[in-house]
Amino acid sequence: MSLQDDLTAVKRCLDDLVRSVGQLERSLAQQREGKPVPAAVGRPDGLVTIPDTPYDSSLWTDSDDEGLGARDRHAP
C-alpha cells in the first residue's frame, strides 16, 4: 500500500470510531434519562452470546497447556 492509501484507511477508521463513540454517548444519555434504548444499538449483526456457565471439563481432557507442554510430561 502507498502512504496515501494508508492515510485514507486510517481516516476511515477514525471516522468510524468517532461515529461509534457518538452513538455510545447518545445511548448512555438515553439510559440516564430513563428512556428505553433499542437492544440493537452498537451491536453488530451475527453477534454470538457466550454463556457464563463453565464449559464441560471433558472438552479439555486431551489438550495441552499451550507453552507448558503436556500435563504428564516435564520440560527438558
PDB file of N, CA and C in Angstrom:
ATOM      1  N   MET A   1       0.834  -1.180   0.000  1.00  0.00           N
ATOM      2  CA  MET A   1       0.000   0.000   0.000  1.00  0.00           C
ATOM      3  C   MET A   1       0.881   1.246   0.000  1.00  0.00           C
ATOM      4  N   SER A   2       0.377   2.241  -0.610  1.00  0.00           N
ATOM      5  CA  SER A   2       1.108   3.508  -0.613  1.00  0.00           C
ATOM      6  C   SER A   2       0.776   4.280   0.666  1.00  0.00           C
ATOM      7  N   LEU A   3       1.542   5.291   0.907  1.00  0.00           N
ATOM      8  CA  LEU A   3       1.311   6.130   2.081  1.00  0.00           C
ATOM      9  C   LEU A   3      -0.072   6.768   2.021  1.00  0.00           C
ATOM     10  N   GLN A   4      -0.485   7.188   0.841  1.00  0.00           N
ATOM     11  CA  GLN A   4      -1.809   7.814   0.692  1.00  0.00           C
ATOM     12  C   GLN A   4      -2.924   6.818   1.006  1.00  0.00           C
ATOM     13  N   ASP A   5      -2.758   5.568   0.567  1.00  0.00           N
ATOM     14  CA  ASP A   5      -3.756   4.538   0.875  1.00  0.00           C
ATOM     15  C   ASP A   5      -3.822   4.286   2.372  1.00  0.00           C
ATOM     16  N   ASP A   6      -2.665   4.250   3.034  1.00  0.00           N
ATOM     17  CA  ASP A   6      -2.625   4.057   4.481  1.00  0.00           C
ATOM     18  C   ASP A   6      -3.322   5.201   5.206  1.00  0.00           C
ATOM     19  N   LEU A   7      -3.062   6.425   4.783  1.00  0.00           N
ATOM     20  CA  LEU A   7      -3.691   7.580   5.409  1.00  0.00           C
ATOM     21  C   LEU A   7      -5.204   7.578   5.208  1.00  0.00           C
ATOM     22  N   THR A   8      -5.635   7.176   4.035  1.00  0.00           N
ATOM     23  CA  THR A   8      -7.071   7.089   3.760  1.00  0.00           C
ATOM     24  C   THR A   8      -7.725   6.033   4.653  1.00  0.00           C
ATOM     25  N   ALA A   9      -7.064   4.891   4.815  1.00  0.00           N
ATOM     26  CA  ALA A   9      -7.601   3.831   5.671  1.00  0.00           C
ATOM     27  C   ALA A   9      -7.670   4.290   7.127  1.00  0.00           C
ATOM     28  N   VAL A  10      -6.650   4.988   7.591  1.00  0.00           N
ATOM     29  CA  VAL A  10      -6.643   5.495   8.967  1.00  0.00           C
ATOM     30  C   VAL A  10      -7.767   6.505   9.159  1.00  0.00           C
ATOM     31  N   LYS A  11      -7.957   7.399   8.198  1.00  0.00           N
ATOM     32  CA  LYS A  11      -9.032   8.391   8.303  1.00  0.00           C
ATOM     33  C   LYS A  11     -10.392   7.716   8.353  1.00  0.00           C
ATOM     34  N   ARG A  12     -10.577   6.685   7.537  1.00  0.00           N
ATOM     35  CA  ARG A  12     -11.846   5.954   7.543  1.00  0.00           C
ATOM     36  C   ARG A  12     -12.082   5.296   8.902  1.00  0.00           C
ATOM     37  N   CYS A  13     -11.041   4.709   9.458  1.00  0.00           N
ATOM     38  CA  CYS A  13     -11.161   4.069  10.779  1.00  0.00           C
ATOM     39  C   CYS A  13     -11.476   5.096  11.865  1.00  0.00           C
ATOM     40  N   LEU A  14     -10.825   6.248  11.804  1.00  0.00           N
ATOM     41  CA  LEU A  14     -11.097   7.305  12.784  1.00  0.00           C
ATOM     42  C   LEU A  14     -12.525   7.817  12.659  1.00  0.00           C
ATOM     43  N   ASP A  15     -13.016   7.961  11.433  1.00  0.00           N
ATOM     44  CA  ASP A  15     -14.400   8.386  11.232  1.00  0.00           C
ATOM     45  C   ASP A  15     -15.367   7.374  11.826  1.00  0.00           C
ATOM     46  N   ASP A  16     -15.094   6.077  11.616  1.00  0.00           N
ATOM     47  CA  ASP A  16     -15.935   5.022  12.202  1.00  0.00           C
ATOM     48  C   ASP A  16     -15.895   5.087  13.725  1.00  0.00           C
ATOM     49  N   LEU A  17     -14.716   5.323  14.282  1.00  0.00           N
ATOM     50  CA  LEU A  17     -14.583   5.417  15.736  1.00  0.00           C
ATOM     51  C   LEU A  17     -15.368   6.610  16.278  1.00  0.00           C
ATOM     52  N   VAL A  18     -15.261   7.753  15.630  1.00  0.00           N
ATOM     53  CA  VAL A  18     -15.994   8.939  16.068  1.00  0.00           C
ATOM     54  C   VAL A  18     -17.501   8.684  16.004  1.00  0.00           C
ATOM     55  N   ARG A  19     -17.954   8.034  14.944  1.00  0.00           N
ATOM     56  CA  ARG A  19     -19.379   7.714  14.797  1.00  0.00           C
ATOM     57  C   ARG A  19     -19.835   6.763  15.907  1.00  0.00           C
ATOM     58  N   SER A  20     -19.034   5.750  16.208  1.00  0.00           N
ATOM     59  CA  SER A  20     -19.389   4.784  17.252  1.00  0.00           C
ATOM     60  C   SER A  20     -19.422   5.427  18.632  1.00  0.00           C
ATOM     61  N   VAL A  21     -18.463   6.288  18.916  1.00  0.00           N
ATOM     62  CA  VAL A  21     -18.438   6.982  20.203  1.00  0.00           C
ATOM     63  C   VAL A  21     -19.658   7.892  20.327  1.00  0.00           C
ATOM     64  N   GLY A  22     -20.034   8.547  19.251  1.00  0.00           N
ATOM     65  CA  GLY A  22     -21.231   9.387  19.268  1.00  0.00           C
ATOM     66  C   GLY A  22     -22.480   8.575  19.570  1.00  0.00           C
ATOM     67  N   GLN A  23     -22.597   7.401  18.954  1.00  0.00           N
ATOM     68  CA  GLN A  23     -23.741   6.530  19.222  1.00  0.00           C
ATOM     69  C   GLN A  23     -23.746   6.077  20.666  1.00  0.00           C
ATOM     70  N   LEU A  24     -22.579   5.751  21.189  1.00  0.00           N
ATOM     71  CA  LEU A  24     -22.479   5.316  22.578  1.00  0.00           C
ATOM     72  C   LEU A  24     -22.875   6.444  23.526  1.00  0.00           C
ATOM     73  N   GLU A  25     -22.413   7.657  23.253  1.00  0.00           N
ATOM     74  CA  GLU A  25     -22.780   8.804  24.095  1.00  0.00           C
ATOM     75  C   GLU A  25     -24.284   9.043  24.083  1.00  0.00           C
ATOM     76  N   ARG A  26     -24.894   8.956  22.906  1.00  0.00           N
ATOM     77  CA  ARG A  26     -26.346   9.135  22.821  1.00  0.00           C
ATOM     78  C   ARG A  26     -27.078   8.039  23.582  1.00  0.00           C
ATOM     79  N   SER A  27     -26.597   6.818  23.472  1.00  0.00           N
ATOM     80  CA  SER A  27     -27.210   5.688  24.163  1.00  0.00           C
ATOM     81  C   SER A  27     -27.111   5.864  25.679  1.00  0.00           C
ATOM     82  N   LEU A  28     -25.953   6.280  26.159  1.00  0.00           N
ATOM     83  CA  LEU A  28     -25.779   6.492  27.598  1.00  0.00           C
ATOM     84  C   LEU A  28     -26.647   7.643  28.098  1.00  0.00           C
ATOM     85  N   ALA A  29     -26.776   8.694  27.300  1.00  0.00           N
ATOM     86  CA  ALA A  29     -27.629   9.819  27.681  1.00  0.00           C
ATOM     87  C   ALA A  29     -29.080   9.366  27.795  1.00  0.00           C
ATOM     88  N   GLN A  30     -29.525   8.509  26.876  1.00  0.00           N
ATOM     89  CA  GLN A  30     -30.897   7.996  26.933  1.00  0.00           C
ATOM     90  C   GLN A  30     -31.092   7.138  28.170  1.00  0.00           C
ATOM     91  N   GLN A  31     -30.091   6.326  28.517  1.00  0.00           N
ATOM     92  CA  GLN A  31     -30.207   5.481  29.710  1.00  0.00           C
ATOM     93  C   GLN A  31     -30.287   6.338  30.962  1.00  0.00           C
ATOM     94  N   ARG A  32     -29.510   7.397  31.034  1.00  0.00           N
ATOM     95  CA  ARG A  32     -29.535   8.282  32.206  1.00  0.00           C
ATOM     96  C   ARG A  32     -30.886   8.970  32.350  1.00  0.00           C
ATOM     97  N   GLU A  33     -31.508   9.272  31.231  1.00  0.00           N
ATOM     98  CA  GLU A  33     -32.820   9.920  31.256  1.00  0.00           C
ATOM     99  C   GLU A  33     -33.942   8.921  31.505  1.00  0.00           C
ATOM    100  N   GLY A  34     -33.625   7.654  31.535  1.00  0.00           N
ATOM    101  CA  GLY A  34     -34.625   6.637  31.782  1.00  0.00           C
ATOM    102  C   GLY A  34     -35.377   6.205  30.548  1.00  0.00           C
ATOM    103  N   LYS A  35     -34.930   6.638  29.392  1.00  0.00           N
ATOM    104  CA  LYS A  35     -35.584   6.239  28.148  1.00  0.00           C
ATOM    105  C   LYS A  35     -35.105   4.851  27.754  1.00  0.00           C
ATOM    106  N   PRO A  36     -35.989   4.034  27.178  1.00  0.00           N
ATOM    107  CA  PRO A  36     -35.551   2.712  26.723  1.00  0.00           C
ATOM    108  C   PRO A  36     -34.586   2.838  25.539  1.00  0.00           C
ATOM    109  N   VAL A  37     -33.564   2.024  25.568  1.00  0.00           N
ATOM    110  CA  VAL A  37     -32.566   2.034  24.499  1.00  0.00           C
ATOM    111  C   VAL A  37     -32.773   0.782  23.663  1.00  0.00           C
ATOM    112  N   PRO A  38     -32.872   0.932  22.341  1.00  0.00           N
ATOM    113  CA  PRO A  38     -33.021  -0.257  21.495  1.00  0.00           C
ATOM    114  C   PRO A  38     -31.863  -1.221  21.713  1.00  0.00           C
ATOM    115  N   ALA A  39     -32.161  -2.512  21.739  1.00  0.00           N
ATOM    116  CA  ALA A  39     -31.135  -3.525  22.012  1.00  0.00           C
ATOM    117  C   ALA A  39     -30.092  -3.596  20.912  1.00  0.00           C
ATOM    118  N   ALA A  40     -30.440  -3.193  19.702  1.00  0.00           N
ATOM    119  CA  ALA A  40     -29.523  -3.345  18.577  1.00  0.00           C
ATOM    120  C   ALA A  40     -28.530  -2.199  18.457  1.00  0.00           C
ATOM    121  N   VAL A  41     -28.586  -1.204  19.316  1.00  0.00           N
ATOM    122  CA  VAL A  41     -27.680  -0.061  19.209  1.00  0.00           C
ATOM    123  C   VAL A  41     -26.261  -0.526  19.496  1.00  0.00           C
ATOM    124  N   GLY A  42     -25.387  -0.364  18.522  1.00  0.00           N
ATOM    125  CA  GLY A  42     -23.985  -0.690  18.700  1.00  0.00           C
ATOM    126  C   GLY A  42     -23.659  -2.175  18.659  1.00  0.00           C
ATOM    127  N   ARG A  43     -24.631  -3.022  18.399  1.00  0.00           N
ATOM    128  CA  ARG A  43     -24.377  -4.463  18.345  1.00  0.00           C
ATOM    129  C   ARG A  43     -24.293  -4.901  16.890  1.00  0.00           C
ATOM    130  N   PRO A  44     -23.182  -5.470  16.489  1.00  0.00           N
ATOM    131  CA  PRO A  44     -23.068  -5.931  15.107  1.00  0.00           C
ATOM    132  C   PRO A  44     -23.952  -7.147  14.840  1.00  0.00           C
ATOM    133  N   ASP A  45     -24.359  -7.300  13.587  1.00  0.00           N
ATOM    134  CA  ASP A  45     -25.156  -8.459  13.199  1.00  0.00           C
ATOM    135  C   ASP A  45     -24.317  -9.718  13.366  1.00  0.00           C
ATOM    136  N   GLY A  46     -24.964 -10.787  13.732  1.00  0.00           N
ATOM    137  CA  GLY A  46     -24.279 -12.065  13.867  1.00  0.00           C
ATOM    138  C   GLY A  46     -23.497 -12.191  15.164  1.00  0.00           C
ATOM    139  N   LEU A  47     -23.769 -11.330  16.141  1.00  0.00           N
ATOM    140  CA  LEU A  47     -23.077 -11.383  17.421  1.00  0.00           C
ATOM    141  C   LEU A  47     -23.526 -12.629  18.173  1.00  0.00           C
ATOM    142  N   VAL A  48     -22.578 -13.375  18.694  1.00  0.00           N
ATOM    143  CA  VAL A  48     -22.879 -14.602  19.417  1.00  0.00           C
ATOM    144  C   VAL A  48     -22.690 -14.353  20.902  1.00  0.00           C
ATOM    145  N   THR A  49     -23.683 -14.693  21.692  1.00  0.00           N
ATOM    146  CA  THR A  49     -23.586 -14.552  23.141  1.00  0.00           C
ATOM    147  C   THR A  49     -22.965 -15.809  23.716  1.00  0.00           C
ATOM    148  N   ILE A  50     -21.943 -15.624  24.526  1.00  0.00           N
ATOM    149  CA  ILE A  50     -21.261 -16.747  25.164  1.00  0.00           C
ATOM    150  C   ILE A  50     -21.743 -16.820  26.600  1.00  0.00           C
ATOM    151  N   PRO A  51     -22.275 -17.962  27.029  1.00  0.00           N
ATOM    152  CA  PRO A  51     -22.810 -18.063  28.387  1.00  0.00           C
ATOM    153  C   PRO A  51     -21.694 -18.027  29.431  1.00  0.00           C
ATOM    154  N   ASP A  52     -22.064 -17.621  30.649  1.00  0.00           N
ATOM    155  CA  ASP A  52     -21.110 -17.561  31.749  1.00  0.00           C
ATOM    156  C   ASP A  52     -20.927 -18.903  32.441  1.00  0.00           C
ATOM    157  N   THR A  53     -21.721 -19.881  32.071  1.00  0.00           N
ATOM    158  CA  THR A  53     -21.604 -21.189  32.718  1.00  0.00           C
ATOM    159  C   THR A  53     -20.293 -21.855  32.312  1.00  0.00           C
ATOM    160  N   PRO A  54     -19.702 -22.625  33.215  1.00  0.00           N
ATOM    161  CA  PRO A  54     -18.424 -23.273  32.889  1.00  0.00           C
ATOM    162  C   PRO A  54     -18.585 -24.303  31.770  1.00  0.00           C
ATOM    163  N   TYR A  55     -17.508 -24.475  31.008  1.00  0.00           N
ATOM    164  CA  TYR A  55     -17.511 -25.488  29.957  1.00  0.00           C
ATOM    165  C   TYR A  55     -17.396 -26.880  30.568  1.00  0.00           C
ATOM    166  N   ASP A  56     -17.830 -27.863  29.813  1.00  0.00           N
ATOM    167  CA  ASP A  56     -17.699 -29.252  30.230  1.00  0.00           C
ATOM    168  C   ASP A  56     -16.212 -29.602  30.263  1.00  0.00           C
ATOM    169  N   SER A  57     -15.715 -30.082  31.393  1.00  0.00           N
ATOM    170  CA  SER A  57     -14.285 -30.367  31.539  1.00  0.00           C
ATOM    171  C   SER A  57     -13.814 -31.485  30.617  1.00  0.00           C
ATOM    172  N   SER A  58     -14.725 -32.305  30.110  1.00  0.00           N
ATOM    173  CA  SER A  58     -14.313 -33.376  29.202  1.00  0.00           C
ATOM    174  C   SER A  58     -13.825 -32.820  27.861  1.00  0.00           C
ATOM    175  N   LEU A  59     -14.138 -31.567  27.576  1.00  0.00           N
ATOM    176  CA  LEU A  59     -13.639 -30.944  26.349  1.00  0.00           C
ATOM    177  C   LEU A  59     -12.120 -30.776  26.387  1.00  0.00           C
ATOM    178  N   TRP A  60     -11.550 -30.712  27.568  1.00  0.00           N
ATOM    179  CA  TRP A  60     -10.139 -30.382  27.716  1.00  0.00           C
ATOM    180  C   TRP A  60      -9.279 -31.580  28.115  1.00  0.00           C
ATOM    181  N   THR A  61      -9.811 -32.793  28.113  1.00  0.00           N
ATOM    182  CA  THR A  61      -9.053 -33.936  28.624  1.00  0.00           C
ATOM    183  C   THR A  61      -7.783 -34.230  27.832  1.00  0.00           C
ATOM    184  N   ASP A  62      -7.791 -34.085  26.531  1.00  0.00           N
ATOM    185  CA  ASP A  62      -6.614 -34.400  25.717  1.00  0.00           C
ATOM    186  C   ASP A  62      -5.842 -33.158  25.283  1.00  0.00           C
ATOM    187  N   SER A  63      -6.119 -32.035  25.872  1.00  0.00           N
ATOM    188  CA  SER A  63      -5.465 -30.810  25.437  1.00  0.00           C
ATOM    189  C   SER A  63      -4.161 -30.584  26.198  1.00  0.00           C
ATOM    190  N   ASP A  64      -3.263 -29.876  25.561  1.00  0.00           N
ATOM    191  CA  ASP A  64      -2.006 -29.477  26.196  1.00  0.00           C
ATOM    192  C   ASP A  64      -2.129 -28.021  26.607  1.00  0.00           C
ATOM    193  N   ASP A  65      -1.453 -27.669  27.700  1.00  0.00           N
ATOM    194  CA  ASP A  65      -1.398 -26.262  28.084  1.00  0.00           C
ATOM    195  C   ASP A  65      -0.398 -25.600  27.169  1.00  0.00           C
ATOM    196  N   GLU A  66      -0.867 -24.656  26.375  1.00  0.00           N
ATOM    197  CA  GLU A  66      -0.002 -24.026  25.393  1.00  0.00           C
ATOM    198  C   GLU A  66       1.175 -23.355  26.083  1.00  0.00           C
ATOM    199  N   GLY A  67       2.361 -23.694  25.629  1.00  0.00           N
ATOM    200  CA  GLY A  67       3.563 -23.117  26.199  1.00  0.00           C
ATOM    201  C   GLY A  67       4.082 -23.896  27.390  1.00  0.00           C
ATOM    202  N   LEU A  68       3.255 -24.754  27.982  1.00  0.00           N
ATOM    203  CA  LEU A  68       3.675 -25.523  29.149  1.00  0.00           C
ATOM    204  C   LEU A  68       3.884 -26.992  28.814  1.00  0.00           C
ATOM    205  N   GLY A  69       3.409 -27.430  27.685  1.00  0.00           N
ATOM    206  CA  GLY A  69       3.560 -28.826  27.308  1.00  0.00           C
ATOM    207  C   GLY A  69       2.430 -29.681  27.842  1.00  0.00           C
ATOM    208  N   ALA A  70       2.568 -30.968  27.664  1.00  0.00           N
ATOM    209  CA  ALA A  70       1.545 -31.905  28.106  1.00  0.00           C
ATOM    210  C   ALA A  70       1.566 -32.027  29.619  1.00  0.00           C
ATOM    211  N   ARG A  71       0.459 -32.360  30.219  1.00  0.00           N
ATOM    212  CA  ARG A  71       0.366 -32.442  31.673  1.00  0.00           C
ATOM    213  C   ARG A  71       1.201 -33.572  32.271  1.00  0.00           C
ATOM    214  N   ASP A  72       1.338 -34.673  31.532  1.00  0.00           N
ATOM    215  CA  ASP A  72       2.053 -35.816  32.099  1.00  0.00           C
ATOM    216  C   ASP A  72       3.541 -35.832  31.759  1.00  0.00           C
ATOM    217  N   ARG A  73       4.065 -34.786  31.119  1.00  0.00           N
ATOM    218  CA  ARG A  73       5.468 -34.709  30.790  1.00  0.00           C
ATOM    219  C   ARG A  73       6.073 -33.462  31.413  1.00  0.00           C
ATOM    220  N   HIS A  74       7.393 -33.487  31.576  1.00  0.00           N
ATOM    221  CA  HIS A  74       8.095 -32.353  32.160  1.00  0.00           C
ATOM    222  C   HIS A  74       8.938 -31.678  31.089  1.00  0.00           C
ATOM    223  N   ALA A  75       9.168 -30.412  31.283  1.00  0.00           N
ATOM    224  CA  ALA A  75      10.012 -29.666  30.349  1.00  0.00           C
ATOM    225  C   ALA A  75      11.463 -30.147  30.471  1.00  0.00           C
ATOM    226  N   PRO A  76      12.231 -30.106  29.385  1.00  0.00           N
ATOM    227  CA  PRO A  76      13.626 -30.576  29.448  1.00  0.00           C
ATOM    228  C   PRO A  76      14.476 -29.682  30.325  1.00  0.00           C
TER     229      PRO A  76
END
